[in-house]
N, C-alpha and C. Protein backbone atom coordinates (compact mmCIF):
# COMPACT_ATOMS: atom_id res chain seq x y z
N MET A 1 35.64 116.36 -29.11
CA MET A 1 34.42 115.98 -29.30
C MET A 1 33.32 116.67 -29.04
N LYS A 2 33.48 117.28 -28.02
CA LYS A 2 31.96 117.86 -27.77
C LYS A 2 32.23 119.07 -28.63
N ARG A 3 33.18 119.61 -28.55
CA ARG A 3 33.30 120.48 -29.93
C ARG A 3 32.69 120.35 -31.41
N LEU A 4 33.11 119.65 -31.91
CA LEU A 4 32.85 119.12 -33.11
C LEU A 4 31.12 118.82 -32.77
N ALA A 5 30.97 118.18 -32.06
CA ALA A 5 29.69 117.89 -31.72
C ALA A 5 28.43 119.05 -31.90
N SER A 6 29.04 119.91 -30.89
CA SER A 6 28.66 121.15 -30.91
C SER A 6 28.56 121.80 -32.21
N ALA A 7 29.51 121.75 -33.23
CA ALA A 7 29.59 122.78 -34.86
C ALA A 7 28.82 122.25 -35.49
N TYR A 8 28.95 120.56 -35.49
CA TYR A 8 28.08 120.00 -36.13
C TYR A 8 26.67 120.36 -36.38
N GLY A 9 26.09 120.14 -34.57
CA GLY A 9 24.79 120.45 -34.77
C GLY A 9 23.83 119.00 -34.20
N ALA A 10 24.51 117.99 -34.06
CA ALA A 10 23.50 116.50 -33.81
C ALA A 10 24.63 115.56 -33.36
N PRO A 11 24.35 114.92 -32.29
CA PRO A 11 25.11 113.62 -32.00
C PRO A 11 26.71 113.23 -32.94
N LEU A 12 27.27 112.93 -32.53
CA LEU A 12 28.60 112.08 -33.79
C LEU A 12 28.31 111.09 -34.32
N TRP A 13 27.16 110.43 -33.76
CA TRP A 13 26.55 109.03 -33.90
C TRP A 13 26.01 109.69 -35.70
N HIS A 14 25.35 110.07 -35.60
CA HIS A 14 24.60 110.91 -36.22
C HIS A 14 25.21 111.31 -37.62
N LEU A 15 26.69 111.74 -37.35
CA LEU A 15 27.50 112.18 -38.40
C LEU A 15 27.91 111.14 -39.18
N LEU A 16 28.32 109.84 -38.28
CA LEU A 16 29.07 108.69 -38.75
C LEU A 16 27.95 107.89 -39.81
N VAL A 17 26.77 108.07 -39.35
CA VAL A 17 25.72 107.31 -40.32
C VAL A 17 25.15 107.80 -41.65
N LEU A 18 26.07 109.37 -41.51
CA LEU A 18 25.64 110.15 -42.36
C LEU A 18 26.77 109.36 -43.68
N VAL A 19 28.07 109.22 -42.67
CA VAL A 19 28.99 109.13 -43.60
C VAL A 19 28.95 107.57 -44.24
N ALA A 20 28.14 106.36 -43.65
CA ALA A 20 28.14 105.36 -44.03
C ALA A 20 27.38 105.47 -44.91
N CYS A 21 26.24 105.99 -45.51
CA CYS A 21 25.42 106.40 -46.16
C CYS A 21 25.95 106.55 -47.46
N PHE A 22 26.72 107.74 -47.26
CA PHE A 22 27.55 108.34 -48.34
C PHE A 22 28.58 106.90 -49.09
N VAL A 23 28.89 106.59 -48.39
CA VAL A 23 30.19 105.32 -48.55
C VAL A 23 29.39 104.33 -49.53
N VAL A 24 27.85 103.90 -48.96
CA VAL A 24 27.12 102.89 -49.44
C VAL A 24 26.54 103.30 -50.91
N ALA A 25 26.19 104.46 -50.75
CA ALA A 25 25.85 105.26 -52.07
C ALA A 25 27.04 105.37 -52.84
N GLY A 26 27.65 105.62 -52.79
CA GLY A 26 29.88 105.74 -53.41
C GLY A 26 29.61 104.41 -54.40
N TYR A 27 29.74 103.73 -53.02
CA TYR A 27 29.91 102.07 -53.86
C TYR A 27 28.45 102.03 -54.90
N VAL A 28 27.57 101.85 -54.61
CA VAL A 28 26.70 101.62 -55.23
C VAL A 28 27.05 102.18 -56.70
N ALA A 29 26.67 103.70 -56.76
CA ALA A 29 27.57 104.27 -58.17
C ALA A 29 28.57 103.79 -58.75
N THR A 30 29.59 102.99 -58.36
CA THR A 30 30.69 102.60 -58.81
C THR A 30 30.33 101.45 -59.33
N ARG A 31 29.34 100.70 -58.74
CA ARG A 31 29.02 99.51 -59.51
C ARG A 31 28.10 99.92 -60.29
N VAL A 32 27.33 100.85 -60.60
CA VAL A 32 26.29 101.11 -61.96
C VAL A 32 27.15 101.70 -62.54
N VAL A 33 28.05 101.93 -62.50
CA VAL A 33 29.36 102.53 -63.55
C VAL A 33 29.90 101.65 -64.29
N ALA A 34 30.57 100.57 -63.22
CA ALA A 34 31.19 99.77 -63.89
C ALA A 34 30.62 98.85 -64.88
N ALA A 35 29.23 98.20 -64.36
CA ALA A 35 28.28 98.07 -65.08
C ALA A 35 27.77 98.13 -66.41
N GLY A 36 27.94 99.56 -66.49
CA GLY A 36 27.91 99.87 -68.10
C GLY A 36 26.44 100.48 -67.76
N ILE A 37 25.46 100.73 -66.59
CA ILE A 37 23.92 100.92 -66.92
C ILE A 37 23.70 102.14 -66.17
N TRP A 38 24.28 102.60 -66.07
CA TRP A 38 24.24 104.35 -65.48
C TRP A 38 23.19 105.20 -65.93
N LEU A 39 23.27 105.26 -67.36
CA LEU A 39 22.13 106.29 -68.25
C LEU A 39 20.95 105.45 -67.70
N GLY A 40 20.75 104.25 -67.78
CA GLY A 40 19.12 103.73 -67.83
C GLY A 40 18.85 103.82 -65.86
N PHE A 41 19.76 103.88 -65.23
CA PHE A 41 20.32 103.71 -63.98
C PHE A 41 19.42 105.49 -63.40
N ALA A 42 20.35 106.40 -64.19
CA ALA A 42 20.27 108.03 -64.14
C ALA A 42 18.32 108.07 -64.46
N ALA A 43 17.97 107.34 -65.44
CA ALA A 43 16.60 107.63 -66.13
C ALA A 43 15.46 106.89 -64.95
N TRP A 44 15.84 106.22 -64.07
CA TRP A 44 14.86 105.38 -63.73
C TRP A 44 15.42 106.69 -62.61
N PHE A 45 16.50 107.06 -61.81
CA PHE A 45 16.32 107.78 -60.50
C PHE A 45 15.01 108.94 -60.94
N ALA A 46 15.74 109.51 -61.95
CA ALA A 46 14.81 110.97 -62.06
C ALA A 46 13.33 110.26 -62.73
N GLY A 47 12.96 110.02 -63.21
CA GLY A 47 11.67 109.20 -63.07
C GLY A 47 10.74 109.06 -61.67
N ALA A 48 11.88 108.53 -60.58
CA ALA A 48 11.39 107.87 -59.73
C ALA A 48 11.24 109.63 -58.75
N ILE A 49 12.41 110.09 -58.60
CA ILE A 49 11.82 111.28 -58.38
C ILE A 49 11.01 112.49 -58.87
N ILE A 50 10.72 112.44 -60.19
CA ILE A 50 9.51 113.02 -60.34
C ILE A 50 7.83 112.42 -59.70
N LEU A 51 7.91 110.73 -60.14
CA LEU A 51 6.52 110.09 -59.75
C LEU A 51 6.82 110.36 -58.26
N HIS A 52 7.31 110.47 -57.55
CA HIS A 52 7.20 110.48 -55.86
C HIS A 52 6.82 111.88 -55.73
N ASP A 53 7.82 113.57 -56.37
CA ASP A 53 7.39 114.43 -55.91
C ASP A 53 6.31 115.15 -56.68
N LEU A 54 5.62 114.80 -57.90
CA LEU A 54 4.75 115.16 -58.52
C LEU A 54 3.52 114.35 -58.70
N VAL A 55 3.14 113.00 -58.19
CA VAL A 55 1.99 112.29 -58.34
C VAL A 55 1.81 112.03 -56.30
N LEU A 56 2.91 111.42 -55.94
CA LEU A 56 2.93 110.29 -54.94
C LEU A 56 2.34 111.25 -53.85
N LEU A 57 3.68 112.20 -53.21
CA LEU A 57 3.65 112.96 -52.07
C LEU A 57 2.04 113.94 -52.48
N PRO A 58 1.81 114.47 -53.37
CA PRO A 58 0.65 115.56 -52.95
C PRO A 58 -0.56 113.99 -52.84
N MET A 59 -0.72 113.09 -53.58
CA MET A 59 -1.63 111.81 -52.98
C MET A 59 -1.94 111.47 -51.60
N TYR A 60 -0.45 111.18 -51.14
CA TYR A 60 -0.88 110.59 -50.02
C TYR A 60 -0.20 111.80 -48.79
N SER A 61 -0.40 112.89 -48.95
CA SER A 61 -0.20 114.16 -48.38
C SER A 61 -2.16 114.38 -48.26
N ALA A 62 -3.12 114.33 -49.62
CA ALA A 62 -4.40 114.80 -49.21
C ALA A 62 -4.59 113.60 -48.84
N ALA A 63 -4.50 112.65 -48.51
CA ALA A 63 -4.85 111.50 -48.18
C ALA A 63 -5.08 111.92 -46.28
N ASP A 64 -3.56 112.04 -46.19
CA ASP A 64 -3.55 112.43 -45.04
C ASP A 64 -3.89 113.17 -44.18
N ILE A 65 -4.49 114.73 -44.92
CA ILE A 65 -5.31 115.80 -44.46
C ILE A 65 -6.62 114.82 -44.36
N ALA A 66 -7.36 114.35 -45.40
CA ALA A 66 -8.54 113.76 -45.06
C ALA A 66 -8.97 112.86 -43.95
N THR A 67 -7.88 112.24 -44.03
CA THR A 67 -7.70 111.54 -42.61
C THR A 67 -8.16 111.78 -41.30
N ARG A 68 -7.09 112.92 -41.38
CA ARG A 68 -7.05 113.46 -39.67
C ARG A 68 -8.28 114.35 -39.68
N ALA A 69 -9.26 114.83 -40.78
CA ALA A 69 -10.01 115.49 -40.80
C ALA A 69 -10.69 114.86 -40.54
N LEU A 70 -11.01 113.37 -41.07
CA LEU A 70 -12.32 112.73 -40.24
C LEU A 70 -12.21 111.87 -39.19
N THR A 71 -10.70 112.12 -38.73
CA THR A 71 -10.89 111.03 -37.27
C THR A 71 -10.42 112.35 -36.25
N ARG A 72 -10.66 113.67 -36.37
CA ARG A 72 -10.74 114.52 -35.63
C ARG A 72 -11.80 114.28 -34.79
N ARG A 73 -12.84 113.99 -34.90
CA ARG A 73 -13.74 113.61 -34.36
C ARG A 73 -14.11 112.24 -33.45
N LEU A 74 -13.28 111.36 -34.29
CA LEU A 74 -13.40 110.38 -33.22
C LEU A 74 -12.60 110.36 -31.89
N ALA A 75 -11.11 110.80 -32.07
CA ALA A 75 -10.67 111.15 -31.22
C ALA A 75 -9.54 112.46 -30.76
N ARG A 76 -10.10 112.39 -29.35
CA ARG A 76 -9.13 114.05 -28.90
C ARG A 76 -7.66 113.89 -29.29
N PRO A 77 -6.92 114.95 -29.11
CA PRO A 77 -5.43 114.78 -29.45
C PRO A 77 -4.99 114.00 -28.30
N ARG A 78 -5.29 113.77 -27.00
CA ARG A 78 -4.31 113.29 -26.14
C ARG A 78 -4.54 112.36 -26.05
N ARG A 79 -5.47 111.36 -26.76
CA ARG A 79 -5.45 110.28 -26.63
C ARG A 79 -4.96 109.70 -27.49
N ALA A 80 -5.46 108.15 -27.72
CA ALA A 80 -3.99 107.38 -28.71
C ALA A 80 -4.31 107.53 -30.20
N GLY A 81 -3.30 107.82 -30.77
CA GLY A 81 -3.82 109.08 -32.45
C GLY A 81 -4.25 107.75 -32.83
N VAL A 82 -5.36 108.26 -33.55
CA VAL A 82 -5.89 107.37 -34.77
C VAL A 82 -4.84 107.07 -35.92
N VAL A 83 -4.55 108.36 -36.33
CA VAL A 83 -3.93 108.79 -37.62
C VAL A 83 -2.97 107.74 -37.68
N ASN A 84 -2.32 107.81 -36.69
CA ASN A 84 -1.05 106.81 -37.16
C ASN A 84 -1.28 105.40 -37.05
N HIS A 85 -2.57 105.19 -36.27
CA HIS A 85 -2.56 103.51 -36.42
C HIS A 85 -3.49 103.12 -38.31
N LEU A 86 -3.79 103.99 -38.48
CA LEU A 86 -3.96 104.03 -39.90
C LEU A 86 -2.68 104.38 -41.10
N ARG A 87 -1.73 105.23 -40.62
CA ARG A 87 -0.48 105.67 -41.45
C ARG A 87 0.25 104.48 -41.84
N VAL A 88 0.78 103.36 -40.43
CA VAL A 88 1.77 102.83 -40.35
C VAL A 88 1.15 101.37 -41.50
N PRO A 89 0.00 100.88 -41.08
CA PRO A 89 -0.38 99.80 -41.97
C PRO A 89 -0.50 100.54 -43.69
N ALA A 90 -0.89 101.76 -43.37
CA ALA A 90 -1.02 102.01 -45.20
C ALA A 90 0.21 102.36 -46.04
N MET A 91 1.45 103.11 -45.10
CA MET A 91 3.01 102.59 -45.28
C MET A 91 3.44 101.74 -45.62
N LEU A 92 3.41 100.71 -44.78
CA LEU A 92 4.14 99.13 -44.83
C LEU A 92 3.42 98.28 -46.33
N SER A 93 1.78 98.54 -46.60
CA SER A 93 1.33 98.46 -47.30
C SER A 93 1.56 98.46 -48.69
N GLY A 94 1.87 100.22 -48.80
CA GLY A 94 1.96 100.73 -49.72
C GLY A 94 3.85 100.43 -50.10
N LEU A 95 4.55 100.06 -49.27
CA LEU A 95 5.67 99.61 -49.60
C LEU A 95 6.14 98.48 -49.89
N LEU A 96 5.14 97.61 -49.99
CA LEU A 96 5.17 96.24 -50.39
C LEU A 96 4.86 96.27 -52.03
N LEU A 97 4.04 97.20 -52.27
CA LEU A 97 3.27 97.25 -53.47
C LEU A 97 4.40 98.04 -54.43
N LEU A 98 4.92 98.75 -53.58
CA LEU A 98 5.81 99.63 -54.50
C LEU A 98 7.08 98.54 -54.93
N VAL A 99 7.56 97.60 -53.73
CA VAL A 99 8.37 96.55 -54.37
C VAL A 99 7.63 95.42 -55.22
N TRP A 100 6.98 95.56 -55.29
CA TRP A 100 6.11 93.71 -55.81
C TRP A 100 5.29 94.26 -56.77
N PHE A 101 5.19 95.26 -57.00
CA PHE A 101 3.69 95.57 -58.16
C PHE A 101 3.99 94.76 -59.45
N PRO A 102 5.21 94.68 -59.86
CA PRO A 102 5.10 93.85 -60.77
C PRO A 102 4.38 92.36 -60.65
N LEU A 103 4.38 91.94 -60.17
CA LEU A 103 4.09 90.63 -59.70
C LEU A 103 2.74 90.68 -59.12
N ILE A 104 1.98 91.71 -58.25
CA ILE A 104 0.92 91.87 -57.90
C ILE A 104 -0.27 92.47 -58.98
N LEU A 105 0.44 93.01 -59.68
CA LEU A 105 -0.50 93.72 -60.93
C LEU A 105 -0.12 92.71 -62.29
N ARG A 106 0.73 91.67 -62.18
CA ARG A 106 0.47 90.66 -62.92
C ARG A 106 1.19 91.04 -64.15
N GLY A 107 2.17 92.91 -64.43
CA GLY A 107 2.88 92.67 -65.22
C GLY A 107 4.04 92.34 -65.43
N ALA A 108 4.87 91.18 -65.15
CA ALA A 108 5.87 90.41 -65.15
C ALA A 108 5.59 89.27 -65.20
N GLU A 109 4.27 88.85 -65.60
CA GLU A 109 4.00 87.36 -65.92
C GLU A 109 4.35 86.67 -66.74
N ARG A 110 5.04 87.08 -67.66
CA ARG A 110 5.87 86.36 -69.35
C ARG A 110 7.32 85.91 -68.44
N ASN A 111 8.35 87.09 -67.98
CA ASN A 111 9.31 87.43 -67.67
C ASN A 111 9.65 85.54 -66.30
N TYR A 112 8.32 86.19 -65.20
CA TYR A 112 8.58 85.68 -63.94
C TYR A 112 8.34 84.02 -64.14
N ARG A 113 7.29 83.84 -65.04
CA ARG A 113 7.18 81.82 -65.49
C ARG A 113 8.29 81.30 -65.83
N TRP A 114 8.86 82.60 -66.78
CA TRP A 114 10.35 82.03 -67.31
C TRP A 114 11.30 81.73 -66.75
N ALA A 115 11.05 82.18 -65.56
CA ALA A 115 12.63 82.27 -64.56
C ALA A 115 12.11 81.42 -63.61
N VAL A 116 11.02 81.24 -63.24
CA VAL A 116 10.74 80.12 -61.92
C VAL A 116 10.44 79.06 -62.39
N GLY A 117 9.06 79.32 -63.71
CA GLY A 117 7.94 78.20 -63.63
C GLY A 117 7.12 78.33 -62.72
N LEU A 118 6.67 79.42 -62.14
CA LEU A 118 5.98 79.65 -61.55
C LEU A 118 4.57 81.00 -62.14
N SER A 119 3.29 80.95 -61.38
CA SER A 119 2.34 81.95 -61.93
C SER A 119 2.30 82.78 -61.18
N THR A 120 2.23 84.15 -61.27
CA THR A 120 1.86 85.28 -60.92
C THR A 120 0.30 85.60 -60.03
N SER A 121 -0.13 84.56 -59.96
CA SER A 121 -1.29 85.02 -59.85
C SER A 121 -1.41 85.03 -58.12
N PRO A 122 -0.90 84.18 -57.30
CA PRO A 122 -1.59 84.54 -55.41
C PRO A 122 -0.41 85.55 -55.16
N TYR A 123 0.12 86.67 -56.22
CA TYR A 123 0.83 87.57 -55.31
C TYR A 123 0.06 88.92 -55.29
N LEU A 124 -1.18 89.04 -55.87
CA LEU A 124 -2.44 90.05 -55.49
C LEU A 124 -2.76 88.93 -54.26
N ALA A 125 -3.53 88.16 -54.33
CA ALA A 125 -4.22 87.86 -52.92
C ALA A 125 -3.58 87.44 -51.59
N ARG A 126 -1.97 87.70 -51.96
CA ARG A 126 -1.11 87.67 -50.39
C ARG A 126 -1.13 88.97 -50.27
N TRP A 127 -0.89 89.81 -51.31
CA TRP A 127 -0.94 91.25 -50.49
C TRP A 127 -1.81 91.49 -50.01
N LEU A 128 -3.23 91.90 -50.61
CA LEU A 128 -4.53 91.84 -50.03
C LEU A 128 -4.39 90.93 -48.76
N LEU A 129 -4.35 90.09 -48.63
CA LEU A 129 -4.14 89.56 -47.31
C LEU A 129 -3.50 89.83 -46.56
N ILE A 130 -2.30 90.08 -46.77
CA ILE A 130 -1.07 90.54 -45.55
C ILE A 130 -1.64 92.30 -45.01
N THR A 131 -2.31 92.88 -46.47
CA THR A 131 -2.58 94.69 -46.23
C THR A 131 -4.20 94.46 -44.67
N LEU A 132 -5.11 93.63 -45.41
CA LEU A 132 -5.96 93.41 -44.34
C LEU A 132 -5.28 93.13 -42.63
N VAL A 133 -4.44 92.00 -42.87
CA VAL A 133 -3.67 91.95 -41.47
C VAL A 133 -3.05 93.02 -40.65
N LEU A 134 -2.63 93.86 -41.69
CA LEU A 134 -1.73 95.03 -41.00
C LEU A 134 -2.55 95.65 -40.81
N PHE A 135 -3.54 95.80 -41.20
CA PHE A 135 -4.74 96.71 -41.14
C PHE A 135 -5.65 96.40 -39.65
N GLY A 136 -5.63 95.40 -39.50
CA GLY A 136 -6.36 94.46 -38.53
C GLY A 136 -5.60 94.64 -37.17
N VAL A 137 -4.33 94.36 -37.52
CA VAL A 137 -3.76 94.15 -36.19
C VAL A 137 -3.58 95.74 -35.57
N SER A 138 -2.84 96.78 -36.71
CA SER A 138 -2.90 98.17 -36.18
C SER A 138 -4.25 98.60 -35.35
N GLY A 139 -5.64 98.04 -36.08
CA GLY A 139 -7.03 98.06 -35.43
C GLY A 139 -6.88 97.54 -34.06
N LEU A 140 -6.59 96.43 -33.91
CA LEU A 140 -6.84 95.64 -32.56
C LEU A 140 -5.70 96.40 -31.32
N LEU A 141 -4.40 96.56 -32.33
CA LEU A 141 -3.75 98.00 -31.05
C LEU A 141 -4.58 99.03 -30.25
N TYR A 142 -5.02 99.61 -31.31
CA TYR A 142 -5.27 100.61 -31.28
C TYR A 142 -6.45 100.63 -30.07
N ALA A 143 -7.75 99.88 -30.37
CA ALA A 143 -8.28 99.45 -29.51
C ALA A 143 -7.76 98.96 -28.36
N VAL A 144 -7.06 98.03 -28.13
CA VAL A 144 -6.30 98.25 -27.02
C VAL A 144 -5.84 99.37 -26.11
N ARG A 145 -4.80 100.56 -26.62
CA ARG A 145 -4.84 101.45 -26.34
C ARG A 145 -6.09 102.15 -25.72
N ARG A 146 -6.61 102.09 -26.69
CA ARG A 146 -7.95 103.46 -26.13
C ARG A 146 -8.73 102.79 -24.49
N ARG A 147 -8.55 101.67 -25.09
CA ARG A 147 -8.99 100.74 -23.68
C ARG A 147 -8.36 101.41 -22.35
N ALA A 148 -6.84 100.54 -22.13
CA ALA A 148 -5.93 101.33 -21.37
C ALA A 148 -5.98 102.79 -20.90
N VAL A 149 -6.19 103.62 -22.32
CA VAL A 149 -6.71 104.68 -21.69
C VAL A 149 -7.51 105.31 -21.07
N ARG A 150 -9.28 104.58 -20.98
CA ARG A 150 -10.26 104.93 -20.52
C ARG A 150 -9.67 104.32 -19.00
N ARG A 151 -9.18 102.99 -18.73
CA ARG A 151 -9.23 102.63 -17.15
C ARG A 151 -8.64 103.12 -16.60
N GLY A 152 -7.32 104.06 -17.32
CA GLY A 152 -6.38 104.66 -16.55
C GLY A 152 -7.02 105.72 -15.96
N ARG A 153 -8.17 107.11 -16.49
CA ARG A 153 -8.87 107.64 -16.55
C ARG A 153 -9.51 107.29 -15.66
N GLY A 154 -10.27 106.02 -15.45
CA GLY A 154 -11.37 105.65 -14.17
C GLY A 154 -10.67 105.43 -12.65
N ARG A 155 -9.59 104.72 -13.24
CA ARG A 155 -8.23 104.39 -11.82
C ARG A 155 -8.66 105.74 -10.92
N ARG A 156 -8.00 106.84 -11.74
CA ARG A 156 -7.74 107.84 -10.80
C ARG A 156 -8.30 108.54 -10.39
N GLY A 157 -9.74 108.41 -10.01
CA GLY A 157 -10.54 109.07 -9.75
C GLY A 157 -11.18 110.36 -10.00
N PRO A 158 -11.67 111.33 -9.11
CA PRO A 158 -12.18 112.46 -10.01
C PRO A 158 -10.77 113.32 -9.90
């Protein structure tokens, strides 16, 4: 086993998780083909790759670089990282927007109303509220961490 792990270059659990991911992806591929929607799925997948690699990746990389440049003055590298307290809520909020954007941006109003009989109007306010709470909790956690660092430094003495 150690020889196999050494040859693989990572722990064996990593290989098992990777194999499980390929099994799930293979199952999904068989279901897509069986449903007869493989062409639409392939077009959507290619579009998602292009959208992510050519549009979203440069956007959030530039935002990250700008955030690090602006916060460099606020926190030294040894302190609680302010950038991560911005990255995590932004990523979670972005993920929610990505999953629910047709409802948040009211692009699926007619279909949603037909399917469930409700309006999509509350989704934007709820997403904004969740985003506000995520950033608020993250800011509070950052303040608590900064205070703990200051108190720890004060107790140690000279």
